[in-house]
Amino acid sequence: MSDELVTVFRTADPVLLVVAKAALDADEIRYVVDGEGIQDLIGIGRFPGGYNAATGPVRIRVMAELAERAREALTGIGDDS
């Protein structure tokens, strides 16, 4: 079992983030959200693209061995799934 985390979802849309987290929770897939709490703390905050240019979009990461299952759970949620 690897401790490597891989990104399975990226978004600048807070609504899609909530939907993605709910989908993973429903499938009991543990995840980490990178960048969610710092979007408004650096520079000018969320620029017109919906995310902070310095930090990039919010990312959901899961253990490598759960990545395929997570991607399946996220199918159809946003353009970056």
PDB file of N, CA and C in Angstrom:
ATOM      1  N   MET A   1       0.844  -1.180   0.000  1.00  0.00           N
ATOM      2  CA  MET A   1       0.000   0.000   0.000  1.00  0.00           C
ATOM      3  C   MET A   1       0.894   1.250   0.000  1.00  0.00           C
ATOM      4  N   SER A   2       0.662   2.114  -0.973  1.00  0.00           N
ATOM      5  CA  SER A   2       1.477   3.313  -1.143  1.00  0.00           C
ATOM      6  C   SER A   2       0.846   4.501  -0.428  1.00  0.00           C
ATOM      7  N   ASP A   3       1.694   5.416   0.023  1.00  0.00           N
ATOM      8  CA  ASP A   3       1.195   6.645   0.631  1.00  0.00           C
ATOM      9  C   ASP A   3       1.105   7.775  -0.387  1.00  0.00           C
ATOM     10  N   GLU A   4       1.354   7.465  -1.653  1.00  0.00           N
ATOM     11  CA  GLU A   4       1.332   8.480  -2.697  1.00  0.00           C
ATOM     12  C   GLU A   4      -0.092   8.984  -2.928  1.00  0.00           C
ATOM     13  N   LEU A   5      -0.215  10.323  -2.996  1.00  0.00           N
ATOM     14  CA  LEU A   5      -1.507  10.940  -3.315  1.00  0.00           C
ATOM     15  C   LEU A   5      -1.489  11.405  -4.753  1.00  0.00           C
ATOM     16  N   VAL A   6      -2.611  11.202  -5.445  1.00  0.00           N
ATOM     17  CA  VAL A   6      -2.743  11.664  -6.824  1.00  0.00           C
ATOM     18  C   VAL A   6      -3.969  12.555  -6.938  1.00  0.00           C
ATOM     19  N   THR A   7      -3.881  13.527  -7.819  1.00  0.00           N
ATOM     20  CA  THR A   7      -4.990  14.444  -8.041  1.00  0.00           C
ATOM     21  C   THR A   7      -6.011  13.783  -8.946  1.00  0.00           C
ATOM     22  N   VAL A   8      -7.275  13.788  -8.506  1.00  0.00           N
ATOM     23  CA  VAL A   8      -8.347  13.186  -9.295  1.00  0.00           C
ATOM     24  C   VAL A   8      -9.391  14.212  -9.731  1.00  0.00           C
ATOM     25  N   PHE A   9      -9.294  15.434  -9.209  1.00  0.00           N
ATOM     26  CA  PHE A   9     -10.293  16.452  -9.548  1.00  0.00           C
ATOM     27  C   PHE A   9      -9.712  17.829  -9.295  1.00  0.00           C
ATOM     28  N   ARG A  10     -10.002  18.761 -10.197  1.00  0.00           N
ATOM     29  CA  ARG A  10      -9.608  20.170 -10.046  1.00  0.00           C
ATOM     30  C   ARG A  10     -10.811  21.020 -10.404  1.00  0.00           C
ATOM     31  N   THR A  11     -10.993  22.097  -9.654  1.00  0.00           N
ATOM     32  CA  THR A  11     -12.087  23.006  -9.989  1.00  0.00           C
ATOM     33  C   THR A  11     -11.873  24.365  -9.343  1.00  0.00           C
ATOM     34  N   ALA A  12     -12.441  25.372  -9.979  1.00  0.00           N
ATOM     35  CA  ALA A  12     -12.479  26.713  -9.403  1.00  0.00           C
ATOM     36  C   ALA A  12     -13.887  27.016  -8.917  1.00  0.00           C
ATOM     37  N   ASP A  13     -14.809  26.100  -9.143  1.00  0.00           N
ATOM     38  CA  ASP A  13     -16.221  26.294  -8.797  1.00  0.00           C
ATOM     39  C   ASP A  13     -16.513  25.677  -7.432  1.00  0.00           C
ATOM     40  N   PRO A  14     -16.876  26.514  -6.438  1.00  0.00           N
ATOM     41  CA  PRO A  14     -17.132  25.972  -5.100  1.00  0.00           C
ATOM     42  C   PRO A  14     -18.314  25.004  -5.052  1.00  0.00           C
ATOM     43  N   VAL A  15     -19.275  25.166  -5.942  1.00  0.00           N
ATOM     44  CA  VAL A  15     -20.419  24.250  -5.975  1.00  0.00           C
ATOM     45  C   VAL A  15     -19.972  22.873  -6.468  1.00  0.00           C
ATOM     46  N   LEU A  16     -19.158  22.845  -7.524  1.00  0.00           N
ATOM     47  CA  LEU A  16     -18.648  21.562  -8.018  1.00  0.00           C
ATOM     48  C   LEU A  16     -17.768  20.876  -6.984  1.00  0.00           C
ATOM     49  N   LEU A  17     -17.046  21.660  -6.209  1.00  0.00           N
ATOM     50  CA  LEU A  17     -16.218  21.091  -5.151  1.00  0.00           C
ATOM     51  C   LEU A  17     -17.088  20.365  -4.124  1.00  0.00           C
ATOM     52  N   VAL A  18     -18.177  20.982  -3.727  1.00  0.00           N
ATOM     53  CA  VAL A  18     -19.093  20.358  -2.761  1.00  0.00           C
ATOM     54  C   VAL A  18     -19.685  19.076  -3.341  1.00  0.00           C
ATOM     55  N   VAL A  19     -20.081  19.113  -4.607  1.00  0.00           N
ATOM     56  CA  VAL A  19     -20.655  17.931  -5.257  1.00  0.00           C
ATOM     57  C   VAL A  19     -19.618  16.812  -5.338  1.00  0.00           C
ATOM     58  N   ALA A  20     -18.389  17.156  -5.705  1.00  0.00           N
ATOM     59  CA  ALA A  20     -17.328  16.149  -5.795  1.00  0.00           C
ATOM     60  C   ALA A  20     -17.042  15.523  -4.430  1.00  0.00           C
ATOM     61  N   LYS A  21     -16.962  16.339  -3.406  1.00  0.00           N
ATOM     62  CA  LYS A  21     -16.721  15.817  -2.050  1.00  0.00           C
ATOM     63  C   LYS A  21     -17.863  14.900  -1.622  1.00  0.00           C
ATOM     64  N   ALA A  22     -19.095  15.275  -1.948  1.00  0.00           N
ATOM     65  CA  ALA A  22     -20.257  14.447  -1.591  1.00  0.00           C
ATOM     66  C   ALA A  22     -20.207  13.099  -2.317  1.00  0.00           C
ATOM     67  N   ALA A  23     -19.782  13.107  -3.582  1.00  0.00           N
ATOM     68  CA  ALA A  23     -19.681  11.857  -4.339  1.00  0.00           C
ATOM     69  C   ALA A  23     -18.641  10.927  -3.727  1.00  0.00           C
ATOM     70  N   LEU A  24     -17.506  11.482  -3.334  1.00  0.00           N
ATOM     71  CA  LEU A  24     -16.470  10.661  -2.705  1.00  0.00           C
ATOM     72  C   LEU A  24     -16.908  10.177  -1.326  1.00  0.00           C
ATOM     73  N   ASP A  25     -17.573  11.036  -0.576  1.00  0.00           N
ATOM     74  CA  ASP A  25     -18.091  10.634   0.735  1.00  0.00           C
ATOM     75  C   ASP A  25     -19.094   9.490   0.593  1.00  0.00           C
ATOM     76  N   ALA A  26     -19.957   9.579  -0.411  1.00  0.00           N
ATOM     77  CA  ALA A  26     -20.975   8.540  -0.621  1.00  0.00           C
ATOM     78  C   ALA A  26     -20.330   7.186  -0.927  1.00  0.00           C
ATOM     79  N   ASP A  27     -19.200   7.204  -1.622  1.00  0.00           N
ATOM     80  CA  ASP A  27     -18.473   5.966  -1.929  1.00  0.00           C
ATOM     81  C   ASP A  27     -17.441   5.616  -0.865  1.00  0.00           C
ATOM     82  N   GLU A  28     -17.423   6.375   0.220  1.00  0.00           N
ATOM     83  CA  GLU A  28     -16.509   6.160   1.345  1.00  0.00           C
ATOM     84  C   GLU A  28     -15.051   6.142   0.894  1.00  0.00           C
ATOM     85  N   ILE A  29     -14.712   7.101   0.015  1.00  0.00           N
ATOM     86  CA  ILE A  29     -13.346   7.259  -0.454  1.00  0.00           C
ATOM     87  C   ILE A  29     -12.725   8.427   0.299  1.00  0.00           C
ATOM     88  N   ARG A  30     -11.654   8.168   1.015  1.00  0.00           N
ATOM     89  CA  ARG A  30     -10.965   9.229   1.762  1.00  0.00           C
ATOM     90  C   ARG A  30     -10.181  10.100   0.809  1.00  0.00           C
ATOM     91  N   TYR A  31     -10.159  11.393   1.076  1.00  0.00           N
ATOM     92  CA  TYR A  31      -9.511  12.348   0.187  1.00  0.00           C
ATOM     93  C   TYR A  31      -8.942  13.517   0.969  1.00  0.00           C
ATOM     94  N   VAL A  32      -8.089  14.279   0.289  1.00  0.00           N
ATOM     95  CA  VAL A  32      -7.506  15.504   0.820  1.00  0.00           C
ATOM     96  C   VAL A  32      -7.830  16.599  -0.185  1.00  0.00           C
ATOM     97  N   VAL A  33      -8.196  17.772   0.314  1.00  0.00           N
ATOM     98  CA  VAL A  33      -8.464  18.909  -0.559  1.00  0.00           C
ATOM     99  C   VAL A  33      -7.320  19.905  -0.402  1.00  0.00           C
ATOM    100  N   ASP A  34      -6.621  20.176  -1.499  1.00  0.00           N
ATOM    101  CA  ASP A  34      -5.505  21.124  -1.494  1.00  0.00           C
ATOM    102  C   ASP A  34      -5.968  22.462  -2.057  1.00  0.00           C
ATOM    103  N   GLY A  35      -5.658  23.528  -1.349  1.00  0.00           N
ATOM    104  CA  GLY A  35      -5.907  24.867  -1.854  1.00  0.00           C
ATOM    105  C   GLY A  35      -7.243  25.478  -1.521  1.00  0.00           C
ATOM    106  N   GLU A  36      -8.098  24.753  -0.841  1.00  0.00           N
ATOM    107  CA  GLU A  36      -9.441  25.275  -0.560  1.00  0.00           C
ATOM    108  C   GLU A  36      -9.408  26.460   0.398  1.00  0.00           C
ATOM    109  N   GLY A  37      -8.635  26.392   1.432  1.00  0.00           N
ATOM    110  CA  GLY A  37      -8.636  27.424   2.457  1.00  0.00           C
ATOM    111  C   GLY A  37      -7.774  28.637   2.152  1.00  0.00           C
ATOM    112  N   ILE A  38      -6.961  28.564   1.098  1.00  0.00           N
ATOM    113  CA  ILE A  38      -6.044  29.672   0.857  1.00  0.00           C
ATOM    114  C   ILE A  38      -6.400  30.518  -0.362  1.00  0.00           C
ATOM    115  N   GLN A  39      -7.483  30.215  -1.029  1.00  0.00           N
ATOM    116  CA  GLN A  39      -7.845  30.929  -2.245  1.00  0.00           C
ATOM    117  C   GLN A  39      -7.933  32.440  -2.051  1.00  0.00           C
ATOM    118  N   ASP A  40      -8.443  32.882  -0.920  1.00  0.00           N
ATOM    119  CA  ASP A  40      -8.659  34.313  -0.703  1.00  0.00           C
ATOM    120  C   ASP A  40      -7.571  34.969   0.155  1.00  0.00           C
ATOM    121  N   LEU A  41      -6.536  34.235   0.513  1.00  0.00           N
ATOM    122  CA  LEU A  41      -5.515  34.761   1.409  1.00  0.00           C
ATOM    123  C   LEU A  41      -4.310  35.373   0.717  1.00  0.00           C
ATOM    124  N   ILE A  42      -4.067  35.007  -0.528  1.00  0.00           N
ATOM    125  CA  ILE A  42      -2.858  35.429  -1.220  1.00  0.00           C
ATOM    126  C   ILE A  42      -3.200  36.410  -2.338  1.00  0.00           C
ATOM    127  N   GLY A  43      -2.442  37.480  -2.435  1.00  0.00           N
ATOM    128  CA  GLY A  43      -2.594  38.438  -3.536  1.00  0.00           C
ATOM    129  C   GLY A  43      -3.976  39.055  -3.600  1.00  0.00           C
ATOM    130  N   ILE A  44      -4.575  38.973  -4.782  1.00  0.00           N
ATOM    131  CA  ILE A  44      -5.891  39.601  -4.980  1.00  0.00           C
ATOM    132  C   ILE A  44      -7.034  38.618  -4.828  1.00  0.00           C
ATOM    133  N   GLY A  45      -6.766  37.466  -4.280  1.00  0.00           N
ATOM    134  CA  GLY A  45      -7.828  36.487  -4.068  1.00  0.00           C
ATOM    135  C   GLY A  45      -8.208  35.781  -5.352  1.00  0.00           C
ATOM    136  N   ARG A  46      -9.476  35.476  -5.470  1.00  0.00           N
ATOM    137  CA  ARG A  46      -9.978  34.745  -6.643  1.00  0.00           C
ATOM    138  C   ARG A  46     -10.161  35.708  -7.802  1.00  0.00           C
ATOM    139  N   PHE A  47      -9.324  35.563  -8.784  1.00  0.00           N
ATOM    140  CA  PHE A  47      -9.365  36.424  -9.959  1.00  0.00           C
ATOM    141  C   PHE A  47     -10.533  35.990 -10.841  1.00  0.00           C
ATOM    142  N   PRO A  48     -10.824  36.674 -11.931  1.00  0.00           N
ATOM    143  CA  PRO A  48     -11.987  36.333 -12.754  1.00  0.00           C
ATOM    144  C   PRO A  48     -12.127  34.862 -13.137  1.00  0.00           C
ATOM    145  N   GLY A  49     -11.049  34.097 -13.134  1.00  0.00           N
ATOM    146  CA  GLY A  49     -11.139  32.675 -13.458  1.00  0.00           C
ATOM    147  C   GLY A  49     -11.779  31.846 -12.363  1.00  0.00           C
ATOM    148  N   GLY A  50     -12.027  32.447 -11.209  1.00  0.00           N
ATOM    149  CA  GLY A  50     -12.657  31.729 -10.109  1.00  0.00           C
ATOM    150  C   GLY A  50     -11.688  31.140  -9.106  1.00  0.00           C
ATOM    151  N   TYR A  51     -10.391  31.289  -9.363  1.00  0.00           N
ATOM    152  CA  TYR A  51      -9.405  30.777  -8.418  1.00  0.00           C
ATOM    153  C   TYR A  51      -8.232  31.739  -8.350  1.00  0.00           C
ATOM    154  N   ASN A  52      -7.450  31.594  -7.329  1.00  0.00           N
ATOM    155  CA  ASN A  52      -6.284  32.435  -7.119  1.00  0.00           C
ATOM    156  C   ASN A  52      -5.187  32.024  -8.090  1.00  0.00           C
ATOM    157  N   ALA A  53      -4.672  32.992  -8.855  1.00  0.00           N
ATOM    158  CA  ALA A  53      -3.649  32.691  -9.864  1.00  0.00           C
ATOM    159  C   ALA A  53      -2.370  32.132  -9.234  1.00  0.00           C
ATOM    160  N   ALA A  54      -2.068  32.509  -8.010  1.00  0.00           N
ATOM    161  CA  ALA A  54      -0.854  32.038  -7.345  1.00  0.00           C
ATOM    162  C   ALA A  54      -0.978  30.591  -6.868  1.00  0.00           C
ATOM    163  N   THR A  55      -2.170  30.185  -6.470  1.00  0.00           N
ATOM    164  CA  THR A  55      -2.358  28.841  -5.918  1.00  0.00           C
ATOM    165  C   THR A  55      -2.965  27.865  -6.905  1.00  0.00           C
ATOM    166  N   GLY A  56      -3.634  28.359  -7.934  1.00  0.00           N
ATOM    167  CA  GLY A  56      -4.304  27.492  -8.901  1.00  0.00           C
ATOM    168  C   GLY A  56      -5.640  27.004  -8.365  1.00  0.00           C
ATOM    169  N   PRO A  57      -6.337  26.194  -9.150  1.00  0.00           N
ATOM    170  CA  PRO A  57      -7.636  25.693  -8.717  1.00  0.00           C
ATOM    171  C   PRO A  57      -7.505  24.750  -7.520  1.00  0.00           C
ATOM    172  N   VAL A  58      -8.596  24.539  -6.836  1.00  0.00           N
ATOM    173  CA  VAL A  58      -8.644  23.601  -5.719  1.00  0.00           C
ATOM    174  C   VAL A  58      -8.505  22.184  -6.297  1.00  0.00           C
ATOM    175  N   ARG A  59      -7.747  21.337  -5.596  1.00  0.00           N
ATOM    176  CA  ARG A  59      -7.502  19.973  -6.054  1.00  0.00           C
ATOM    177  C   ARG A  59      -7.950  18.959  -5.005  1.00  0.00           C
ATOM    178  N   ILE A  60      -8.581  17.903  -5.477  1.00  0.00           N
ATOM    179  CA  ILE A  60      -8.910  16.777  -4.604  1.00  0.00           C
ATOM    180  C   ILE A  60      -7.917  15.670  -4.932  1.00  0.00           C
ATOM    181  N   ARG A  61      -7.284  15.151  -3.874  1.00  0.00           N
ATOM    182  CA  ARG A  61      -6.273  14.105  -4.021  1.00  0.00           C
ATOM    183  C   ARG A  61      -6.669  12.883  -3.197  1.00  0.00           C
ATOM    184  N   VAL A  62      -6.360  11.711  -3.733  1.00  0.00           N
ATOM    185  CA  VAL A  62      -6.648  10.451  -3.050  1.00  0.00           C
ATOM    186  C   VAL A  62      -5.413   9.561  -3.108  1.00  0.00           C
ATOM    187  N   MET A  63      -5.410   8.514  -2.318  1.00  0.00           N
ATOM    188  CA  MET A  63      -4.339   7.521  -2.364  1.00  0.00           C
ATOM    189  C   MET A  63      -4.305   6.920  -3.771  1.00  0.00           C
ATOM    190  N   ALA A  64      -3.115   6.658  -4.274  1.00  0.00           N
ATOM    191  CA  ALA A  64      -2.944   6.176  -5.645  1.00  0.00           C
ATOM    192  C   ALA A  64      -3.800   4.947  -5.945  1.00  0.00           C
ATOM    193  N   GLU A  65      -3.890   4.037  -4.992  1.00  0.00           N
ATOM    194  CA  GLU A  65      -4.651   2.810  -5.248  1.00  0.00           C
ATOM    195  C   GLU A  65      -6.162   3.041  -5.307  1.00  0.00           C
ATOM    196  N   LEU A  66      -6.623   4.206  -4.870  1.00  0.00           N
ATOM    197  CA  LEU A  66      -8.051   4.539  -4.931  1.00  0.00           C
ATOM    198  C   LEU A  66      -8.388   5.476  -6.088  1.00  0.00           C
ATOM    199  N   ALA A  67      -7.389   5.859  -6.873  1.00  0.00           N
ATOM    200  CA  ALA A  67      -7.584   6.876  -7.906  1.00  0.00           C
ATOM    201  C   ALA A  67      -8.632   6.475  -8.941  1.00  0.00           C
ATOM    202  N   GLU A  68      -8.560   5.266  -9.446  1.00  0.00           N
ATOM    203  CA  GLU A  68      -9.512   4.839 -10.479  1.00  0.00           C
ATOM    204  C   GLU A  68     -10.937   4.822  -9.921  1.00  0.00           C
ATOM    205  N   ARG A  69     -11.098   4.298  -8.732  1.00  0.00           N
ATOM    206  CA  ARG A  69     -12.418   4.272  -8.091  1.00  0.00           C
ATOM    207  C   ARG A  69     -12.940   5.688  -7.864  1.00  0.00           C
ATOM    208  N   ALA A  70     -12.055   6.587  -7.443  1.00  0.00           N
ATOM    209  CA  ALA A  70     -12.450   7.981  -7.215  1.00  0.00           C
ATOM    210  C   ALA A  70     -12.857   8.648  -8.520  1.00  0.00           C
ATOM    211  N   ARG A  71     -12.078   8.429  -9.571  1.00  0.00           N
ATOM    212  CA  ARG A  71     -12.417   9.027 -10.873  1.00  0.00           C
ATOM    213  C   ARG A  71     -13.774   8.545 -11.363  1.00  0.00           C
ATOM    214  N   GLU A  72     -14.075   7.275 -11.128  1.00  0.00           N
ATOM    215  CA  GLU A  72     -15.391   6.748 -11.503  1.00  0.00           C
ATOM    216  C   GLU A  72     -16.493   7.446 -10.714  1.00  0.00           C
ATOM    217  N   ALA A  73     -16.269   7.653  -9.420  1.00  0.00           N
ATOM    218  CA  ALA A  73     -17.265   8.331  -8.586  1.00  0.00           C
ATOM    219  C   ALA A  73     -17.471   9.772  -9.024  1.00  0.00           C
ATOM    220  N   LEU A  74     -16.438  10.371  -9.608  1.00  0.00           N
ATOM    221  CA  LEU A  74     -16.494  11.788 -10.012  1.00  0.00           C
ATOM    222  C   LEU A  74     -16.916  11.978 -11.465  1.00  0.00           C
ATOM    223  N   THR A  75     -17.161  10.901 -12.188  1.00  0.00           N
ATOM    224  CA  THR A  75     -17.543  10.992 -13.587  1.00  0.00           C
ATOM    225  C   THR A  75     -18.770  11.888 -13.759  1.00  0.00           C
ATOM    226  N   GLY A  76     -18.645  12.839 -14.683  1.00  0.00           N
ATOM    227  CA  GLY A  76     -19.763  13.733 -14.991  1.00  0.00           C
ATOM    228  C   GLY A  76     -19.846  14.975 -14.131  1.00  0.00           C
ATOM    229  N   ILE A  77     -18.962  15.118 -13.159  1.00  0.00           N
ATOM    230  CA  ILE A  77     -18.980  16.301 -12.302  1.00  0.00           C
ATOM    231  C   ILE A  77     -17.966  17.302 -12.852  1.00  0.00           C
ATOM    232  N   GLY A  78     -18.448  18.341 -13.487  1.00  0.00           N
ATOM    233  CA  GLY A  78     -17.577  19.386 -14.014  1.00  0.00           C
ATOM    234  C   GLY A  78     -16.794  18.943 -15.225  1.00  0.00           C
ATOM    235  N   ASP A  79     -16.004  19.841 -15.742  1.00  0.00           N
ATOM    236  CA  ASP A  79     -15.202  19.580 -16.941  1.00  0.00           C
ATOM    237  C   ASP A  79     -13.894  18.912 -16.632  1.00  0.00           C
ATOM    238  N   ASP A  80     -13.433  18.993 -15.365  1.00  0.00           N
ATOM    239  CA  ASP A  80     -12.100  18.496 -14.996  1.00  0.00           C
ATOM    240  C   ASP A  80     -12.123  17.127 -14.348  1.00  0.00           C
ATOM    241  N   SER A  81     -13.230  16.449 -14.394  1.00  0.00           N
ATOM    242  CA  SER A  81     -13.302  15.163 -13.715  1.00  0.00           C
ATOM    243  C   SER A  81     -12.702  14.063 -14.536  1.00  0.00           C
TER     244      SER A  81
END
